[in-house]
Amino acid sequence: MDITEVRERVNIPDISDIPGGTEKADIQEGEIQESKGFYKLNWVQRIGFGAGDLAQNFIFQTVGSYILFFYTDVYILTGDTSKAASAAGTLMLIQSVIDVIWSPIVGTFVIYVNIKIK
C-alpha cells in the first residue's frame, strides 16, 4: 500500500488540491516531511520518540524482573526453591516463544483485514 492509497482511504487531500498549493510545497523546519510513504522526522522528534520508548521499556523490564522475583522467592514455583528459578525461566521462555509466533499473526491480521466499526 503506498501513500496515495492511504490518502484515498482516509480522505487526506493532496498538496496540489489546496488552492495556491503545489506538489513540492515549501516545508518549514521542524514540520513532518513526507518521503516515499514515510515521514521524515527531525532529531528533536527522534529523541522524543526514543525517550518515550525508553521509558516504556524501563517499566516493562521492571515489571518482568518483579514477576521473576515473585515466582522464585515469594510463590516458590514448583514448591522447591532449588527448582523455582529454572521453572520460572522456562515459563518465561514459553511465553516469549508464543509471543514470537503470535505477534506476526496479529500484525498481519490488522494490516489485511478491514473491519468496519459503526
N, C-alpha and C. Protein backbone atom coordinates (compact mmCIF):
# COMPACT_ATOMS: atom_id res chain seq x y z
N MET A 1 0.86 -1.16 0.00
CA MET A 1 0.00 0.00 0.00
C MET A 1 0.91 1.23 0.00
N ASP A 2 0.72 2.13 -0.95
CA ASP A 2 1.53 3.33 -0.98
C ASP A 2 0.74 4.51 -0.41
N ILE A 3 1.38 5.66 -0.37
CA ILE A 3 0.80 6.83 0.31
C ILE A 3 -0.45 7.34 -0.38
N THR A 4 -0.55 7.18 -1.70
CA THR A 4 -1.76 7.65 -2.39
C THR A 4 -2.98 6.83 -2.00
N GLU A 5 -2.79 5.52 -1.80
CA GLU A 5 -3.90 4.68 -1.36
C GLU A 5 -4.33 5.05 0.06
N VAL A 6 -3.35 5.36 0.91
CA VAL A 6 -3.66 5.76 2.28
C VAL A 6 -4.44 7.08 2.26
N ARG A 7 -4.00 8.04 1.42
CA ARG A 7 -4.70 9.32 1.33
C ARG A 7 -6.14 9.12 0.88
N GLU A 8 -6.36 8.23 -0.07
CA GLU A 8 -7.72 7.99 -0.56
C GLU A 8 -8.59 7.35 0.51
N ARG A 9 -8.01 6.44 1.31
CA ARG A 9 -8.81 5.74 2.32
C ARG A 9 -9.20 6.66 3.47
N VAL A 10 -8.33 7.58 3.84
CA VAL A 10 -8.64 8.45 4.97
C VAL A 10 -8.99 9.87 4.54
N ASN A 11 -9.14 10.09 3.23
CA ASN A 11 -9.56 11.37 2.66
C ASN A 11 -8.63 12.52 3.01
N ILE A 12 -7.32 12.31 2.86
CA ILE A 12 -6.35 13.38 3.04
C ILE A 12 -6.12 14.03 1.68
N PRO A 13 -6.36 15.32 1.56
CA PRO A 13 -6.17 15.96 0.26
C PRO A 13 -4.69 16.07 -0.09
N ASP A 14 -4.39 16.01 -1.38
CA ASP A 14 -3.04 16.19 -1.86
C ASP A 14 -2.69 17.68 -1.77
N ILE A 15 -1.41 17.99 -1.66
CA ILE A 15 -1.00 19.39 -1.56
C ILE A 15 -1.44 20.18 -2.78
N SER A 16 -1.43 19.51 -3.94
CA SER A 16 -1.81 20.21 -5.17
C SER A 16 -3.30 20.53 -5.20
N ASP A 17 -4.12 19.87 -4.37
CA ASP A 17 -5.56 20.15 -4.31
C ASP A 17 -5.88 21.40 -3.51
N ILE A 18 -4.95 21.87 -2.71
CA ILE A 18 -5.18 23.05 -1.89
C ILE A 18 -4.97 24.29 -2.77
N PRO A 19 -5.88 25.26 -2.71
CA PRO A 19 -5.70 26.47 -3.53
C PRO A 19 -4.38 27.16 -3.22
N GLY A 20 -3.62 27.41 -4.26
CA GLY A 20 -2.32 28.06 -4.10
C GLY A 20 -1.22 27.09 -3.75
N GLY A 21 -1.53 25.80 -3.59
CA GLY A 21 -0.52 24.81 -3.23
C GLY A 21 0.11 24.20 -4.46
N THR A 22 1.30 23.69 -4.32
CA THR A 22 1.98 22.98 -5.40
C THR A 22 2.39 21.62 -4.88
N GLU A 23 2.78 20.75 -5.77
CA GLU A 23 3.18 19.40 -5.38
C GLU A 23 4.41 19.45 -4.47
N LYS A 24 5.32 20.37 -4.74
CA LYS A 24 6.53 20.48 -3.93
C LYS A 24 6.45 21.78 -3.14
N ALA A 25 5.66 21.77 -2.10
CA ALA A 25 5.47 22.97 -1.28
C ALA A 25 6.68 23.18 -0.38
N ASP A 26 6.92 24.42 -0.01
CA ASP A 26 7.99 24.72 0.93
C ASP A 26 7.58 24.23 2.30
N ILE A 27 8.45 23.44 2.92
CA ILE A 27 8.15 22.88 4.24
C ILE A 27 9.06 23.57 5.24
N GLN A 28 8.46 24.10 6.28
CA GLN A 28 9.21 24.81 7.30
C GLN A 28 10.03 23.81 8.13
N GLU A 29 11.12 24.28 8.71
CA GLU A 29 11.94 23.42 9.54
C GLU A 29 11.15 22.98 10.77
N GLY A 30 11.23 21.68 11.11
CA GLY A 30 10.51 21.16 12.26
C GLY A 30 9.21 20.49 11.89
N GLU A 31 8.70 20.74 10.67
CA GLU A 31 7.47 20.08 10.25
C GLU A 31 7.79 18.68 9.77
N ILE A 32 6.78 17.83 9.78
CA ILE A 32 6.95 16.46 9.31
C ILE A 32 7.01 16.48 7.80
N GLN A 33 8.02 15.83 7.23
CA GLN A 33 8.18 15.77 5.79
C GLN A 33 7.84 14.36 5.32
N GLU A 34 7.17 14.29 4.18
CA GLU A 34 6.76 13.01 3.64
C GLU A 34 7.78 12.56 2.60
N SER A 35 8.24 11.33 2.69
CA SER A 35 9.23 10.82 1.76
C SER A 35 8.91 9.38 1.42
N LYS A 36 8.43 9.12 0.22
CA LYS A 36 8.13 7.78 -0.26
C LYS A 36 7.21 7.02 0.69
N GLY A 37 6.20 7.67 1.22
CA GLY A 37 5.23 7.00 2.07
C GLY A 37 5.60 7.01 3.54
N PHE A 38 6.78 7.50 3.88
CA PHE A 38 7.20 7.56 5.27
C PHE A 38 7.36 9.01 5.66
N TYR A 39 7.35 9.28 6.93
CA TYR A 39 7.52 10.64 7.43
C TYR A 39 8.94 10.79 7.94
N LYS A 40 9.61 11.84 7.46
CA LYS A 40 10.97 12.11 7.89
C LYS A 40 10.90 12.98 9.14
N LEU A 41 11.50 12.51 10.21
CA LEU A 41 11.48 13.23 11.48
C LEU A 41 12.79 13.96 11.70
N ASN A 42 12.73 15.12 12.34
CA ASN A 42 13.98 15.79 12.69
C ASN A 42 14.54 15.17 13.96
N TRP A 43 15.73 15.62 14.39
CA TRP A 43 16.42 14.98 15.51
C TRP A 43 15.68 15.16 16.83
N VAL A 44 15.02 16.30 17.02
CA VAL A 44 14.28 16.53 18.26
C VAL A 44 13.12 15.53 18.37
N GLN A 45 12.42 15.30 17.25
CA GLN A 45 11.31 14.35 17.24
C GLN A 45 11.83 12.93 17.46
N ARG A 46 12.95 12.58 16.86
CA ARG A 46 13.53 11.24 17.05
C ARG A 46 13.90 11.01 18.51
N ILE A 47 14.54 12.01 19.12
CA ILE A 47 14.92 11.88 20.53
C ILE A 47 13.68 11.78 21.41
N GLY A 48 12.63 12.53 21.07
CA GLY A 48 11.38 12.47 21.83
C GLY A 48 10.74 11.10 21.77
N PHE A 49 10.64 10.52 20.55
CA PHE A 49 10.07 9.18 20.42
C PHE A 49 10.94 8.14 21.10
N GLY A 50 12.27 8.30 20.99
CA GLY A 50 13.19 7.36 21.64
C GLY A 50 13.09 7.42 23.15
N ALA A 51 12.93 8.62 23.71
CA ALA A 51 12.80 8.76 25.17
C ALA A 51 11.51 8.11 25.66
N GLY A 52 10.43 8.27 24.90
CA GLY A 52 9.17 7.61 25.27
C GLY A 52 9.28 6.11 25.22
N ASP A 53 9.98 5.60 24.20
CA ASP A 53 10.17 4.16 24.08
C ASP A 53 11.08 3.64 25.19
N LEU A 54 12.09 4.41 25.54
CA LEU A 54 12.98 4.02 26.63
C LEU A 54 12.22 3.91 27.94
N ALA A 55 11.36 4.89 28.23
CA ALA A 55 10.58 4.87 29.46
C ALA A 55 9.63 3.67 29.49
N GLN A 56 9.00 3.37 28.36
CA GLN A 56 8.08 2.24 28.30
C GLN A 56 8.83 0.93 28.54
N ASN A 57 10.00 0.78 27.93
CA ASN A 57 10.78 -0.45 28.11
C ASN A 57 11.33 -0.56 29.53
N PHE A 58 11.64 0.56 30.16
CA PHE A 58 12.10 0.54 31.55
C PHE A 58 11.00 -0.01 32.46
N ILE A 59 9.79 0.45 32.28
CA ILE A 59 8.66 -0.05 33.09
C ILE A 59 8.43 -1.54 32.80
N PHE A 60 8.47 -1.92 31.53
CA PHE A 60 8.25 -3.32 31.15
C PHE A 60 9.28 -4.23 31.81
N GLN A 61 10.56 -3.84 31.78
CA GLN A 61 11.61 -4.67 32.37
C GLN A 61 11.51 -4.70 33.89
N THR A 62 11.08 -3.60 34.51
CA THR A 62 10.89 -3.58 35.96
C THR A 62 9.81 -4.57 36.38
N VAL A 63 8.69 -4.55 35.66
CA VAL A 63 7.60 -5.48 35.97
C VAL A 63 8.05 -6.93 35.71
N GLY A 64 8.75 -7.16 34.61
CA GLY A 64 9.24 -8.51 34.31
C GLY A 64 10.20 -9.03 35.37
N SER A 65 11.07 -8.16 35.87
CA SER A 65 12.00 -8.56 36.93
C SER A 65 11.26 -8.87 38.22
N TYR A 66 10.25 -8.06 38.53
CA TYR A 66 9.47 -8.33 39.74
C TYR A 66 8.72 -9.65 39.63
N ILE A 67 8.18 -9.94 38.47
CA ILE A 67 7.46 -11.21 38.29
C ILE A 67 8.41 -12.39 38.49
N LEU A 68 9.63 -12.29 37.95
CA LEU A 68 10.61 -13.35 38.15
C LEU A 68 10.96 -13.51 39.63
N PHE A 69 11.15 -12.39 40.33
CA PHE A 69 11.41 -12.43 41.78
C PHE A 69 10.23 -13.07 42.51
N PHE A 70 9.01 -12.68 42.14
CA PHE A 70 7.81 -13.22 42.80
C PHE A 70 7.73 -14.74 42.60
N TYR A 71 7.94 -15.20 41.37
CA TYR A 71 7.86 -16.64 41.10
C TYR A 71 8.91 -17.45 41.85
N THR A 72 10.11 -16.89 42.02
CA THR A 72 11.19 -17.67 42.63
C THR A 72 11.25 -17.55 44.15
N ASP A 73 10.96 -16.37 44.70
CA ASP A 73 11.17 -16.16 46.14
C ASP A 73 9.89 -16.08 46.96
N VAL A 74 8.79 -15.62 46.38
CA VAL A 74 7.54 -15.47 47.14
C VAL A 74 6.64 -16.68 46.91
N TYR A 75 6.30 -16.92 45.66
CA TYR A 75 5.38 -18.01 45.33
C TYR A 75 6.08 -19.37 45.38
N ILE A 76 7.37 -19.37 45.17
CA ILE A 76 8.22 -20.57 45.10
C ILE A 76 7.59 -21.60 44.16
N LEU A 77 7.67 -21.26 42.89
CA LEU A 77 7.12 -22.10 41.82
C LEU A 77 7.67 -23.52 41.94
N THR A 78 6.88 -24.51 41.76
CA THR A 78 7.14 -25.96 41.87
C THR A 78 7.30 -26.44 43.31
N GLY A 79 7.25 -25.52 44.29
CA GLY A 79 7.33 -25.94 45.69
C GLY A 79 8.74 -26.21 46.18
N ASP A 80 9.72 -26.17 45.30
CA ASP A 80 11.11 -26.44 45.68
C ASP A 80 11.95 -25.22 45.30
N THR A 81 12.66 -24.64 46.27
CA THR A 81 13.41 -23.42 45.99
C THR A 81 14.55 -23.65 45.01
N SER A 82 15.09 -24.85 44.96
CA SER A 82 16.20 -25.12 44.04
C SER A 82 15.73 -25.24 42.59
N LYS A 83 14.47 -25.55 42.37
CA LYS A 83 13.95 -25.70 41.00
C LYS A 83 13.08 -24.52 40.58
N ALA A 84 12.81 -23.59 41.47
CA ALA A 84 11.90 -22.48 41.17
C ALA A 84 12.44 -21.58 40.08
N ALA A 85 13.75 -21.30 40.09
CA ALA A 85 14.34 -20.40 39.08
C ALA A 85 14.27 -21.02 37.69
N SER A 86 14.56 -22.29 37.58
CA SER A 86 14.52 -22.94 36.25
C SER A 86 13.08 -23.03 35.76
N ALA A 87 12.14 -23.28 36.65
CA ALA A 87 10.73 -23.35 36.25
C ALA A 87 10.23 -21.98 35.80
N ALA A 88 10.61 -20.93 36.54
CA ALA A 88 10.18 -19.58 36.16
C ALA A 88 10.82 -19.16 34.84
N GLY A 89 12.09 -19.48 34.64
CA GLY A 89 12.76 -19.17 33.37
C GLY A 89 12.14 -19.91 32.21
N THR A 90 11.79 -21.18 32.42
CA THR A 90 11.13 -21.96 31.37
C THR A 90 9.76 -21.39 31.05
N LEU A 91 9.03 -20.97 32.08
CA LEU A 91 7.72 -20.36 31.89
C LEU A 91 7.83 -19.08 31.05
N MET A 92 8.83 -18.24 31.35
CA MET A 92 9.02 -17.01 30.59
C MET A 92 9.52 -17.30 29.17
N LEU A 93 10.30 -18.36 28.99
CA LEU A 93 10.75 -18.75 27.65
C LEU A 93 9.57 -19.20 26.80
N ILE A 94 8.68 -19.98 27.37
CA ILE A 94 7.49 -20.44 26.64
C ILE A 94 6.62 -19.26 26.24
N GLN A 95 6.48 -18.30 27.16
CA GLN A 95 5.70 -17.10 26.86
C GLN A 95 6.34 -16.31 25.72
N SER A 96 7.66 -16.20 25.71
CA SER A 96 8.35 -15.46 24.65
C SER A 96 8.21 -16.15 23.30
N VAL A 97 8.29 -17.47 23.27
CA VAL A 97 8.13 -18.22 22.02
C VAL A 97 6.71 -18.05 21.47
N ILE A 98 5.73 -18.10 22.35
CA ILE A 98 4.34 -17.88 21.93
C ILE A 98 4.19 -16.47 21.37
N ASP A 99 4.83 -15.48 22.01
CA ASP A 99 4.76 -14.10 21.54
C ASP A 99 5.43 -13.94 20.17
N VAL A 100 6.55 -14.63 19.94
CA VAL A 100 7.23 -14.58 18.64
C VAL A 100 6.34 -15.13 17.54
N ILE A 101 5.56 -16.14 17.84
CA ILE A 101 4.66 -16.73 16.84
C ILE A 101 3.39 -15.90 16.69
N TRP A 102 2.83 -15.44 17.77
CA TRP A 102 1.52 -14.78 17.75
C TRP A 102 1.57 -13.35 17.22
N SER A 103 2.60 -12.58 17.55
CA SER A 103 2.66 -11.17 17.15
C SER A 103 2.62 -10.96 15.64
N PRO A 104 3.39 -11.71 14.81
CA PRO A 104 3.25 -11.53 13.36
C PRO A 104 1.88 -11.93 12.82
N ILE A 105 1.25 -12.91 13.44
CA ILE A 105 -0.08 -13.32 13.00
C ILE A 105 -1.07 -12.18 13.25
N VAL A 106 -1.04 -11.59 14.43
CA VAL A 106 -1.94 -10.49 14.75
C VAL A 106 -1.61 -9.27 13.89
N GLY A 107 -0.33 -8.98 13.67
CA GLY A 107 0.06 -7.86 12.83
C GLY A 107 -0.43 -8.01 11.41
N THR A 108 -0.31 -9.21 10.85
CA THR A 108 -0.81 -9.47 9.50
C THR A 108 -2.32 -9.33 9.46
N PHE A 109 -3.00 -9.81 10.48
CA PHE A 109 -4.45 -9.68 10.54
C PHE A 109 -4.88 -8.22 10.54
N VAL A 110 -4.19 -7.40 11.34
CA VAL A 110 -4.53 -5.99 11.43
C VAL A 110 -4.30 -5.28 10.10
N ILE A 111 -3.25 -5.65 9.40
CA ILE A 111 -2.93 -4.99 8.12
C ILE A 111 -3.94 -5.37 7.04
N TYR A 112 -4.29 -6.64 6.92
CA TYR A 112 -5.06 -7.10 5.77
C TYR A 112 -6.56 -7.22 5.99
N VAL A 113 -7.05 -7.22 7.23
CA VAL A 113 -8.47 -7.35 7.48
C VAL A 113 -9.02 -5.97 7.77
N ASN A 114 -10.00 -5.57 6.98
CA ASN A 114 -10.58 -4.24 7.11
C ASN A 114 -11.91 -4.37 7.84
N ILE A 115 -11.92 -4.05 9.14
CA ILE A 115 -13.12 -4.18 9.95
C ILE A 115 -13.81 -2.81 10.00
N LYS A 116 -15.07 -2.78 9.66
CA LYS A 116 -15.84 -1.54 9.71
C LYS A 116 -16.50 -1.42 11.09
N ILE A 117 -16.18 -0.37 11.80
CA ILE A 117 -16.79 -0.12 13.10
C ILE A 117 -17.88 0.92 12.91
N LYS A 118 -19.09 0.59 13.35
CA LYS A 118 -20.21 1.51 13.15
C LYS A 118 -20.40 2.42 14.30
